[in-house]
């Protein structure tokens, strides 16, 4: 059996009972480590599961799927995914390859940012298309996300933005020279995301992302203990939610948003009264939030 098992969002204890039982039955266990990350290291997972894990980076998943699926028709093999198994197309591709090889598969679901985003106070059924925001370079500033936000906005829907992570990436020079030298991990911050959004608005000029009137909610480390809810040894590892206009968020120091991973919500133009009140509790400028939210409610 080939298992694809969701690990949830925070630490080793987020795995489901069914998922843990499957892990303990497996002879080989791969930990996918490039589409997202947990908030604990591999050693913590191994200690809790009582099993050794094999790190599966992008190259292994995309180029060595045969090795991952080896003998899965006669023994149990697991592929562990942060969040839910269907959070990335790569995981679907791996399942299709297993199907082609007539290997039996089983999916074990878990929480992902796509449902945990409800912690913002915005209703899940009011979200439209989810988009990804990548790091811009001097020569590459893709803006397709802008069109998706515009489409959502026309329907009054919220947009969840998944911010870029760079893990085990090579510089252009090292890639060109074939050198297996990797850059340090990079995780897009809320301030970088807001600046990029406003940069594209300044180019497109369609009024979709106005700094002073577009409401947004910044999320960090969703799934961990919310800041202030319980005593924690590391407040920097706590879940944080910060709301305001794009300009409000842009004016905040980096430390306000907590540690990565981060996500950003662009609120729709038709906030329900309950959404406005709940999310407003996280606003950096309560008066400003209420004034704008009341216009959209």
C-alpha atoms as a PDB file:
ATOM      1  CA  UNK A   1       0.000   0.000   0.000  1.00  0.00           C
ATOM      2  CA  UNK A   2       1.152   3.510  -0.816  1.00  0.00           C
ATOM      3  CA  UNK A   3      -0.104   5.963   1.794  1.00  0.00           C
ATOM      4  CA  UNK A   4      -0.195   9.716   1.320  1.00  0.00           C
ATOM      5  CA  UNK A   5      -0.690  11.150   4.781  1.00  0.00           C
ATOM      6  CA  UNK A   6      -1.463  14.716   5.806  1.00  0.00           C
ATOM      7  CA  UNK A   7       0.448  15.947   8.847  1.00  0.00           C
ATOM      8  CA  UNK A   8      -1.553  19.059   9.654  1.00  0.00           C
ATOM      9  CA  UNK A   9      -0.021  22.468  10.156  1.00  0.00           C
ATOM     10  CA  UNK A  10       1.967  22.653  13.373  1.00  0.00           C
ATOM     11  CA  UNK A  11       3.916  19.838  14.995  1.00  0.00           C
ATOM     12  CA  UNK A  12       4.304  16.100  15.446  1.00  0.00           C
ATOM     13  CA  UNK A  13       1.018  15.806  17.372  1.00  0.00           C
ATOM     14  CA  UNK A  14      -1.147  17.073  14.522  1.00  0.00           C
ATOM     15  CA  UNK A  15      -1.137  13.750  12.683  1.00  0.00           C
ATOM     16  CA  UNK A  16      -4.427  11.876  12.963  1.00  0.00           C
ATOM     17  CA  UNK A  17      -4.698   8.579  14.845  1.00  0.00           C
ATOM     18  CA  UNK A  18      -5.367   6.819  11.544  1.00  0.00           C
ATOM     19  CA  UNK A  19      -2.335   8.502  10.008  1.00  0.00           C
ATOM     20  CA  UNK A  20      -0.086   7.517  12.902  1.00  0.00           C
ATOM     21  CA  UNK A  21      -1.232   3.896  12.709  1.00  0.00           C
ATOM     22  CA  UNK A  22      -0.434   3.853   8.993  1.00  0.00           C
ATOM     23  CA  UNK A  23       3.027   5.365   9.578  1.00  0.00           C
ATOM     24  CA  UNK A  24       3.860   2.721  12.165  1.00  0.00           C
ATOM     25  CA  UNK A  25       2.961  -0.006   9.659  1.00  0.00           C
ATOM     26  CA  UNK A  26       5.317   1.259   6.952  1.00  0.00           C
ATOM     27  CA  UNK A  27       8.754  -0.026   5.992  1.00  0.00           C
ATOM     28  CA  UNK A  28       9.755   3.270   4.303  1.00  0.00           C
ATOM     29  CA  UNK A  29       8.482   6.766   5.116  1.00  0.00           C
ATOM     30  CA  UNK A  30       9.186   9.866   3.044  1.00  0.00           C
ATOM     31  CA  UNK A  31       8.737  13.399   4.357  1.00  0.00           C
ATOM     32  CA  UNK A  32       7.968  15.878   1.574  1.00  0.00           C
ATOM     33  CA  UNK A  33       9.964  18.979   2.405  1.00  0.00           C
ATOM     34  CA  UNK A  34       9.575  21.647  -0.246  1.00  0.00           C
ATOM     35  CA  UNK A  35       5.935  22.662  -0.819  1.00  0.00           C
ATOM     36  CA  UNK A  36       5.544  23.574   2.863  1.00  0.00           C
ATOM     37  CA  UNK A  37       7.196  23.054   6.241  1.00  0.00           C
ATOM     38  CA  UNK A  38       6.148  22.040   9.728  1.00  0.00           C
ATOM     39  CA  UNK A  39       7.123  24.065  12.789  1.00  0.00           C
ATOM     40  CA  UNK A  40       9.255  21.271  14.224  1.00  0.00           C
ATOM     41  CA  UNK A  41      12.280  19.448  12.895  1.00  0.00           C
ATOM     42  CA  UNK A  42      12.583  15.933  11.521  1.00  0.00           C
ATOM     43  CA  UNK A  43      14.011  14.575  14.786  1.00  0.00           C
ATOM     44  CA  UNK A  44      10.835  15.493  16.669  1.00  0.00           C
ATOM     45  CA  UNK A  45       8.724  13.662  14.130  1.00  0.00           C
ATOM     46  CA  UNK A  46      10.923  10.556  14.232  1.00  0.00           C
ATOM     47  CA  UNK A  47      10.840  10.439  18.027  1.00  0.00           C
ATOM     48  CA  UNK A  48       7.041  10.681  18.104  1.00  0.00           C
ATOM     49  CA  UNK A  49       6.418   8.231  15.243  1.00  0.00           C
ATOM     50  CA  UNK A  50       9.113   5.775  16.330  1.00  0.00           C
ATOM     51  CA  UNK A  51      10.279   5.597  12.700  1.00  0.00           C
ATOM     52  CA  UNK A  52      13.105   6.956  10.564  1.00  0.00           C
ATOM     53  CA  UNK A  53      12.090   9.439   7.883  1.00  0.00           C
ATOM     54  CA  UNK A  54      13.602  10.019   4.453  1.00  0.00           C
ATOM     55  CA  UNK A  55      13.594  13.654   3.347  1.00  0.00           C
ATOM     56  CA  UNK A  56      11.998  13.994  -0.095  1.00  0.00           C
ATOM     57  CA  UNK A  57      13.105  17.234  -1.748  1.00  0.00           C
ATOM     58  CA  UNK A  58      11.846  18.591  -5.062  1.00  0.00           C
ATOM     59  CA  UNK A  59      14.389  16.635  -7.124  1.00  0.00           C
ATOM     60  CA  UNK A  60      13.465  13.336  -5.492  1.00  0.00           C
ATOM     61  CA  UNK A  61       9.719  13.828  -5.802  1.00  0.00           C
ATOM     62  CA  UNK A  62       9.806  15.034  -9.398  1.00  0.00           C
ATOM     63  CA  UNK A  63      12.652  12.877 -10.747  1.00  0.00           C
ATOM     64  CA  UNK A  64      12.789   9.784  -8.549  1.00  0.00           C
ATOM     65  CA  UNK A  65       9.155   8.784  -8.123  1.00  0.00           C
ATOM     66  CA  UNK A  66      10.010   5.206  -9.087  1.00  0.00           C
ATOM     67  CA  UNK A  67      12.254   4.965  -6.033  1.00  0.00           C
ATOM     68  CA  UNK A  68       9.545   6.375  -3.759  1.00  0.00           C
ATOM     69  CA  UNK A  69       7.026   3.847  -5.102  1.00  0.00           C
ATOM     70  CA  UNK A  70       9.477   0.924  -5.078  1.00  0.00           C
ATOM     71  CA  UNK A  71       7.926  -2.261  -3.612  1.00  0.00           C
ATOM     72  CA  UNK A  72       4.778  -0.378  -2.553  1.00  0.00           C
ATOM     73  CA  UNK A  73       2.703  -3.128  -4.169  1.00  0.00           C
ATOM     74  CA  UNK A  74       4.029  -5.658  -1.652  1.00  0.00           C
ATOM     75  CA  UNK A  75       4.814  -3.546   1.429  1.00  0.00           C
ATOM     76  CA  UNK A  76       3.565  -0.355   3.046  1.00  0.00           C
ATOM     77  CA  UNK A  77       5.240   2.905   2.027  1.00  0.00           C
ATOM     78  CA  UNK A  78       4.207   6.349   3.287  1.00  0.00           C
ATOM     79  CA  UNK A  79       4.586   9.810   1.830  1.00  0.00           C
ATOM     80  CA  UNK A  80       4.049  12.487   4.482  1.00  0.00           C
ATOM     81  CA  UNK A  81       2.737  15.895   3.455  1.00  0.00           C
ATOM     82  CA  UNK A  82       2.444  19.062   5.532  1.00  0.00           C
ATOM     83  CA  UNK A  83      -1.225  20.083   5.619  1.00  0.00           C
ATOM     84  CA  UNK A  84      -3.475  17.927   3.458  1.00  0.00           C
ATOM     85  CA  UNK A  85      -2.313  15.448   0.774  1.00  0.00           C
ATOM     86  CA  UNK A  86      -4.063  17.347  -2.026  1.00  0.00           C
ATOM     87  CA  UNK A  87      -2.519  20.709  -1.207  1.00  0.00           C
ATOM     88  CA  UNK A  88      -0.099  20.522  -4.171  1.00  0.00           C
ATOM     89  CA  UNK A  89      -0.377  19.135  -7.698  1.00  0.00           C
ATOM     90  CA  UNK A  90       2.895  17.246  -7.215  1.00  0.00           C
ATOM     91  CA  UNK A  91       1.152  14.912  -4.785  1.00  0.00           C
ATOM     92  CA  UNK A  92      -1.651  14.213  -7.255  1.00  0.00           C
ATOM     93  CA  UNK A  93       0.949  13.352  -9.889  1.00  0.00           C
ATOM     94  CA  UNK A  94       2.572  10.855  -7.535  1.00  0.00           C
ATOM     95  CA  UNK A  95      -0.776   9.168  -6.942  1.00  0.00           C
ATOM     96  CA  UNK A  96      -1.416   8.967 -10.679  1.00  0.00           C
ATOM     97  CA  UNK A  97       1.955   7.275 -11.147  1.00  0.00           C
ATOM     98  CA  UNK A  98       1.060   4.759  -8.428  1.00  0.00           C
ATOM     99  CA  UNK A  99      -2.251   4.120 -10.143  1.00  0.00           C
ATOM    100  CA  UNK A 100      -0.509   3.486 -13.467  1.00  0.00           C
ATOM    101  CA  UNK A 101       1.690   0.911 -11.710  1.00  0.00           C
ATOM    102  CA  UNK A 102      -1.439  -0.691 -10.169  1.00  0.00           C
ATOM    103  CA  UNK A 103      -0.173   0.063  -6.669  1.00  0.00           C
ATOM    104  CA  UNK A 104      -2.994   0.318  -4.112  1.00  0.00           C
ATOM    105  CA  UNK A 105      -3.184   3.761  -2.510  1.00  0.00           C
ATOM    106  CA  UNK A 106      -4.822   5.318   0.510  1.00  0.00           C
ATOM    107  CA  UNK A 107      -5.226   9.010   1.339  1.00  0.00           C
ATOM    108  CA  UNK A 108      -5.382  10.168   4.954  1.00  0.00           C
ATOM    109  CA  UNK A 109      -6.536  13.773   5.193  1.00  0.00           C
ATOM    110  CA  UNK A 110      -5.676  16.489   7.683  1.00  0.00           C
ATOM    111  CA  UNK A 111      -6.098  20.214   8.278  1.00  0.00           C
ATOM    112  CA  UNK A 112      -4.541  22.605   5.794  1.00  0.00           C
ATOM    113  CA  UNK A 113      -4.318  26.368   5.425  1.00  0.00           C
ATOM    114  CA  UNK A 114      -7.291  26.115   3.031  1.00  0.00           C
ATOM    115  CA  UNK A 115      -9.648  25.345   5.905  1.00  0.00           C
ATOM    116  CA  UNK A 116      -7.697  26.693   8.894  1.00  0.00           C
ATOM    117  CA  UNK A 117      -7.881  30.143   7.291  1.00  0.00           C
ATOM    118  CA  UNK A 118     -11.252  30.370   8.994  1.00  0.00           C
ATOM    119  CA  UNK A 119      -9.351  31.494  12.104  1.00  0.00           C
ATOM    120  CA  UNK A 120      -9.369  34.950  10.500  1.00  0.00           C
ATOM    121  CA  UNK A 121     -13.095  35.226  11.109  1.00  0.00           C
ATOM    122  CA  UNK A 122     -13.932  35.176   7.399  1.00  0.00           C
ATOM    123  CA  UNK A 123     -16.373  32.507   6.298  1.00  0.00           C
ATOM    124  CA  UNK A 124     -14.888  29.668   4.263  1.00  0.00           C
ATOM    125  CA  UNK A 125     -17.739  29.649   1.749  1.00  0.00           C
ATOM    126  CA  UNK A 126     -16.955  33.294   0.945  1.00  0.00           C
ATOM    127  CA  UNK A 127     -13.470  32.540  -0.394  1.00  0.00           C
ATOM    128  CA  UNK A 128     -12.833  32.465  -4.117  1.00  0.00           C
ATOM    129  CA  UNK A 129      -9.774  31.288  -6.027  1.00  0.00           C
ATOM    130  CA  UNK A 130      -6.610  30.758  -3.994  1.00  0.00           C
ATOM    131  CA  UNK A 131      -3.469  32.275  -5.506  1.00  0.00           C
ATOM    132  CA  UNK A 132       0.277  32.025  -4.973  1.00  0.00           C
ATOM    133  CA  UNK A 133       2.578  35.024  -4.754  1.00  0.00           C
ATOM    134  CA  UNK A 134       6.188  34.390  -5.761  1.00  0.00           C
ATOM    135  CA  UNK A 135       9.282  36.446  -5.013  1.00  0.00           C
ATOM    136  CA  UNK A 136       9.812  39.097  -7.672  1.00  0.00           C
ATOM    137  CA  UNK A 137      13.191  39.573  -9.327  1.00  0.00           C
ATOM    138  CA  UNK A 138      14.532  42.547 -11.257  1.00  0.00           C
ATOM    139  CA  UNK A 139      13.481  40.919 -14.521  1.00  0.00           C
ATOM    140  CA  UNK A 140      10.504  38.741 -13.506  1.00  0.00           C
ATOM    141  CA  UNK A 141       7.368  40.125 -11.889  1.00  0.00           C
ATOM    142  CA  UNK A 142       4.472  37.828 -12.767  1.00  0.00           C
ATOM    143  CA  UNK A 143       1.069  39.410 -12.160  1.00  0.00           C
ATOM    144  CA  UNK A 144      -1.467  36.699 -13.036  1.00  0.00           C
ATOM    145  CA  UNK A 145      -2.533  36.701  -9.370  1.00  0.00           C
ATOM    146  CA  UNK A 146      -3.930  40.209  -9.921  1.00  0.00           C
ATOM    147  CA  UNK A 147      -6.518  38.910 -12.380  1.00  0.00           C
ATOM    148  CA  UNK A 148      -7.638  36.183  -9.978  1.00  0.00           C
ATOM    149  CA  UNK A 149      -8.041  38.737  -7.159  1.00  0.00           C
ATOM    150  CA  UNK A 150     -10.045  40.941  -9.532  1.00  0.00           C
ATOM    151  CA  UNK A 151     -12.313  38.034 -10.484  1.00  0.00           C
ATOM    152  CA  UNK A 152     -12.901  37.213  -6.820  1.00  0.00           C
ATOM    153  CA  UNK A 153     -13.526  40.873  -5.973  1.00  0.00           C
ATOM    154  CA  UNK A 154     -16.226  41.188  -8.636  1.00  0.00           C
ATOM    155  CA  UNK A 155     -18.100  38.377  -6.880  1.00  0.00           C
ATOM    156  CA  UNK A 156     -17.513  39.818  -3.420  1.00  0.00           C
ATOM    157  CA  UNK A 157     -15.235  36.898  -2.502  1.00  0.00           C
ATOM    158  CA  UNK A 158     -12.102  36.821  -0.367  1.00  0.00           C
ATOM    159  CA  UNK A 159      -8.731  35.764  -1.803  1.00  0.00           C
ATOM    160  CA  UNK A 160      -6.266  33.599   0.095  1.00  0.00           C
ATOM    161  CA  UNK A 161      -2.697  34.271  -1.001  1.00  0.00           C
ATOM    162  CA  UNK A 162      -0.057  31.635  -0.318  1.00  0.00           C
ATOM    163  CA  UNK A 163       3.300  33.352   0.027  1.00  0.00           C
ATOM    164  CA  UNK A 164       6.406  31.971  -1.629  1.00  0.00           C
ATOM    165  CA  UNK A 165       8.977  29.757   0.063  1.00  0.00           C
ATOM    166  CA  UNK A 166      12.385  28.953  -1.361  1.00  0.00           C
ATOM    167  CA  UNK A 167      13.887  25.735  -0.036  1.00  0.00           C
ATOM    168  CA  UNK A 168      16.945  24.087  -1.552  1.00  0.00           C
ATOM    169  CA  UNK A 169      17.020  26.559  -4.451  1.00  0.00           C
ATOM    170  CA  UNK A 170      20.068  27.231  -6.613  1.00  0.00           C
ATOM    171  CA  UNK A 171      21.273  30.610  -7.810  1.00  0.00           C
ATOM    172  CA  UNK A 172      21.172  31.198 -11.576  1.00  0.00           C
ATOM    173  CA  UNK A 173      24.975  30.998 -11.697  1.00  0.00           C
ATOM    174  CA  UNK A 174      25.207  27.711  -9.808  1.00  0.00           C
ATOM    175  CA  UNK A 175      22.354  26.281 -11.858  1.00  0.00           C
ATOM    176  CA  UNK A 176      24.071  27.267 -15.118  1.00  0.00           C
ATOM    177  CA  UNK A 177      27.374  25.789 -13.965  1.00  0.00           C
ATOM    178  CA  UNK A 178      25.763  22.592 -12.721  1.00  0.00           C
ATOM    179  CA  UNK A 179      26.988  23.136  -9.170  1.00  0.00           C
ATOM    180  CA  UNK A 180      24.924  21.515  -6.428  1.00  0.00           C
ATOM    181  CA  UNK A 181      25.221  24.557  -4.182  1.00  0.00           C
ATOM    182  CA  UNK A 182      21.985  25.736  -2.618  1.00  0.00           C
ATOM    183  CA  UNK A 183      20.840  29.096  -1.334  1.00  0.00           C
ATOM    184  CA  UNK A 184      19.687  29.533   2.290  1.00  0.00           C
ATOM    185  CA  UNK A 185      15.922  29.015   2.757  1.00  0.00           C
ATOM    186  CA  UNK A 186      13.786  32.104   2.173  1.00  0.00           C
ATOM    187  CA  UNK A 187      10.201  32.679   3.257  1.00  0.00           C
ATOM    188  CA  UNK A 188       8.189  35.610   1.929  1.00  0.00           C
ATOM    189  CA  UNK A 189       7.193  38.082   4.631  1.00  0.00           C
ATOM    190  CA  UNK A 190       3.931  39.979   4.869  1.00  0.00           C
ATOM    191  CA  UNK A 191       5.696  43.268   4.141  1.00  0.00           C
ATOM    192  CA  UNK A 192       7.308  41.872   0.996  1.00  0.00           C
ATOM    193  CA  UNK A 193       3.932  40.552  -0.141  1.00  0.00           C
ATOM    194  CA  UNK A 194       2.133  43.865   0.471  1.00  0.00           C
ATOM    195  CA  UNK A 195       4.860  45.821  -1.309  1.00  0.00           C
ATOM    196  CA  UNK A 196       4.657  43.515  -4.324  1.00  0.00           C
ATOM    197  CA  UNK A 197       0.873  43.791  -4.467  1.00  0.00           C
ATOM    198  CA  UNK A 198       0.974  47.574  -4.411  1.00  0.00           C
ATOM    199  CA  UNK A 199       3.774  47.569  -6.993  1.00  0.00           C
ATOM    200  CA  UNK A 200       1.621  45.605  -9.420  1.00  0.00           C
ATOM    201  CA  UNK A 201      -1.342  47.890  -8.709  1.00  0.00           C
ATOM    202  CA  UNK A 202       0.846  50.875  -9.599  1.00  0.00           C
ATOM    203  CA  UNK A 203       1.578  49.180 -12.937  1.00  0.00           C
ATOM    204  CA  UNK A 204      -1.910  47.851 -13.749  1.00  0.00           C
ATOM    205  CA  UNK A 205      -3.842  50.828 -12.296  1.00  0.00           C
ATOM    206  CA  UNK A 206      -7.179  49.004 -12.232  1.00  0.00           C
ATOM    207  CA  UNK A 207      -8.077  49.945  -8.657  1.00  0.00           C
ATOM    208  CA  UNK A 208      -8.230  46.370  -7.408  1.00  0.00           C
ATOM    209  CA  UNK A 209      -5.651  46.811  -4.637  1.00  0.00           C
ATOM    210  CA  UNK A 210      -5.953  50.250  -3.108  1.00  0.00           C
ATOM    211  CA  UNK A 211      -3.586  50.794  -0.192  1.00  0.00           C
ATOM    212  CA  UNK A 212      -6.037  52.921   1.791  1.00  0.00           C
ATOM    213  CA  UNK A 213      -9.265  51.013   1.215  1.00  0.00           C
ATOM    214  CA  UNK A 214      -8.438  47.357   0.514  1.00  0.00           C
ATOM    215  CA  UNK A 215      -8.823  45.324   3.704  1.00  0.00           C
ATOM    216  CA  UNK A 216      -6.373  42.495   4.301  1.00  0.00           C
ATOM    217  CA  UNK A 217      -5.580  39.972   7.012  1.00  0.00           C
ATOM    218  CA  UNK A 218      -2.061  38.684   7.623  1.00  0.00           C
ATOM    219  CA  UNK A 219      -1.638  35.196   9.066  1.00  0.00           C
ATOM    220  CA  UNK A 220       1.440  33.518  10.491  1.00  0.00           C
ATOM    221  CA  UNK A 221       2.007  30.010  11.800  1.00  0.00           C
ATOM    222  CA  UNK A 222      -1.645  29.072  11.525  1.00  0.00           C
ATOM    223  CA  UNK A 223      -2.335  25.939  13.540  1.00  0.00           C
ATOM    224  CA  UNK A 224       0.007  26.693  16.425  1.00  0.00           C
ATOM    225  CA  UNK A 225      -1.090  28.162  19.766  1.00  0.00           C
ATOM    226  CA  UNK A 226      -2.464  31.677  19.169  1.00  0.00           C
ATOM    227  CA  UNK A 227      -0.376  34.435  20.739  1.00  0.00           C
ATOM    228  CA  UNK A 228      -1.688  35.159  24.212  1.00  0.00           C
ATOM    229  CA  UNK A 229      -4.071  32.183  24.450  1.00  0.00           C
ATOM    230  CA  UNK A 230      -1.726  30.021  26.497  1.00  0.00           C
ATOM    231  CA  UNK A 231       1.729  30.269  27.980  1.00  0.00           C
ATOM    232  CA  UNK A 232       4.299  29.346  25.371  1.00  0.00           C
ATOM    233  CA  UNK A 233       8.059  29.091  25.591  1.00  0.00           C
ATOM    234  CA  UNK A 234       8.399  30.793  22.220  1.00  0.00           C
ATOM    235  CA  UNK A 235       5.945  33.549  21.409  1.00  0.00           C
ATOM    236  CA  UNK A 236       7.680  33.943  18.049  1.00  0.00           C
ATOM    237  CA  UNK A 237       6.340  30.513  17.172  1.00  0.00           C
ATOM    238  CA  UNK A 238       2.773  31.462  18.011  1.00  0.00           C
ATOM    239  CA  UNK A 239      -0.086  31.938  15.586  1.00  0.00           C
ATOM    240  CA  UNK A 240      -0.620  35.594  14.779  1.00  0.00           C
ATOM    241  CA  UNK A 241      -3.429  37.381  12.963  1.00  0.00           C
ATOM    242  CA  UNK A 242      -3.066  41.040  11.981  1.00  0.00           C
ATOM    243  CA  UNK A 243      -5.766  42.935  10.083  1.00  0.00           C
ATOM    244  CA  UNK A 244      -5.987  46.327   8.408  1.00  0.00           C
ATOM    245  CA  UNK A 245      -5.815  48.064   5.070  1.00  0.00           C
ATOM    246  CA  UNK A 246      -2.823  47.265   2.902  1.00  0.00           C
ATOM    247  CA  UNK A 247      -1.349  50.618   3.961  1.00  0.00           C
ATOM    248  CA  UNK A 248      -1.972  49.805   7.636  1.00  0.00           C
ATOM    249  CA  UNK A 249      -0.080  46.535   7.256  1.00  0.00           C
ATOM    250  CA  UNK A 250       2.677  48.181   5.256  1.00  0.00           C
ATOM    251  CA  UNK A 251       3.304  50.596   8.137  1.00  0.00           C
ATOM    252  CA  UNK A 252       3.853  47.849  10.724  1.00  0.00           C
ATOM    253  CA  UNK A 253       7.287  46.598  11.812  1.00  0.00           C
ATOM    254  CA  UNK A 254       8.201  43.110  10.613  1.00  0.00           C
ATOM    255  CA  UNK A 255       8.049  41.729  14.158  1.00  0.00           C
ATOM    256  CA  UNK A 256       4.288  42.356  14.401  1.00  0.00           C
ATOM    257  CA  UNK A 257       3.607  39.556  11.926  1.00  0.00           C
ATOM    258  CA  UNK A 258       5.545  36.813  13.710  1.00  0.00           C
ATOM    259  CA  UNK A 259       7.599  34.042  12.188  1.00  0.00           C
ATOM    260  CA  UNK A 260       6.961  32.215   8.867  1.00  0.00           C
ATOM    261  CA  UNK A 261       5.129  30.627   7.270  1.00  0.00           C
ATOM    262  CA  UNK A 262       2.880  33.546   6.310  1.00  0.00           C
ATOM    263  CA  UNK A 263      -0.326  33.862   4.309  1.00  0.00           C
ATOM    264  CA  UNK A 264      -2.303  36.939   3.329  1.00  0.00           C
ATOM    265  CA  UNK A 265      -6.032  37.368   2.768  1.00  0.00           C
ATOM    266  CA  UNK A 266      -7.451  40.092   0.548  1.00  0.00           C
ATOM    267  CA  UNK A 267     -10.942  40.636   1.935  1.00  0.00           C
ATOM    268  CA  UNK A 268     -13.854  40.730  -0.476  1.00  0.00           C
ATOM    269  CA  UNK A 269     -15.969  43.815  -1.042  1.00  0.00           C
ATOM    270  CA  UNK A 270     -19.013  42.323   0.691  1.00  0.00           C
ATOM    271  CA  UNK A 271     -18.064  41.605   4.290  1.00  0.00           C
ATOM    272  CA  UNK A 272     -20.786  40.058   6.422  1.00  0.00           C
ATOM    273  CA  UNK A 273     -21.362  41.959   9.649  1.00  0.00           C
ATOM    274  CA  UNK A 274     -20.138  38.997  11.702  1.00  0.00           C
ATOM    275  CA  UNK A 275     -16.984  38.722   9.574  1.00  0.00           C
ATOM    276  CA  UNK A 276     -16.282  42.424  10.028  1.00  0.00           C
ATOM    277  CA  UNK A 277     -16.659  42.210  13.804  1.00  0.00           C
ATOM    278  CA  UNK A 278     -14.639  39.016  14.254  1.00  0.00           C
ATOM    279  CA  UNK A 279     -11.749  39.995  11.972  1.00  0.00           C
ATOM    280  CA  UNK A 280     -11.862  43.545  13.303  1.00  0.00           C
ATOM    281  CA  UNK A 281     -10.630  42.294  16.670  1.00  0.00           C
ATOM    282  CA  UNK A 282      -7.239  41.784  14.976  1.00  0.00           C
ATOM    283  CA  UNK A 283      -7.104  45.237  13.380  1.00  0.00           C
ATOM    284  CA  UNK A 284      -4.085  47.467  13.988  1.00  0.00           C
ATOM    285  CA  UNK A 285      -6.345  50.490  13.502  1.00  0.00           C
ATOM    286  CA  UNK A 286      -9.797  49.588  14.820  1.00  0.00           C
ATOM    287  CA  UNK A 287     -11.438  52.851  13.793  1.00  0.00           C
ATOM    288  CA  UNK A 288     -10.121  52.626  10.244  1.00  0.00           C
ATOM    289  CA  UNK A 289     -11.140  48.980   9.928  1.00  0.00           C
ATOM    290  CA  UNK A 290     -14.678  49.662  11.157  1.00  0.00           C
ATOM    291  CA  UNK A 291     -15.104  52.644   8.860  1.00  0.00           C
ATOM    292  CA  UNK A 292     -14.140  50.675   5.732  1.00  0.00           C
ATOM    293  CA  UNK A 293     -15.796  47.406   6.790  1.00  0.00           C
ATOM    294  CA  UNK A 294     -19.119  49.173   7.412  1.00  0.00           C
ATOM    295  CA  UNK A 295     -19.098  50.357   3.802  1.00  0.00           C
ATOM    296  CA  UNK A 296     -18.823  46.769   2.581  1.00  0.00           C
ATOM    297  CA  UNK A 297     -21.186  45.081   5.040  1.00  0.00           C
END
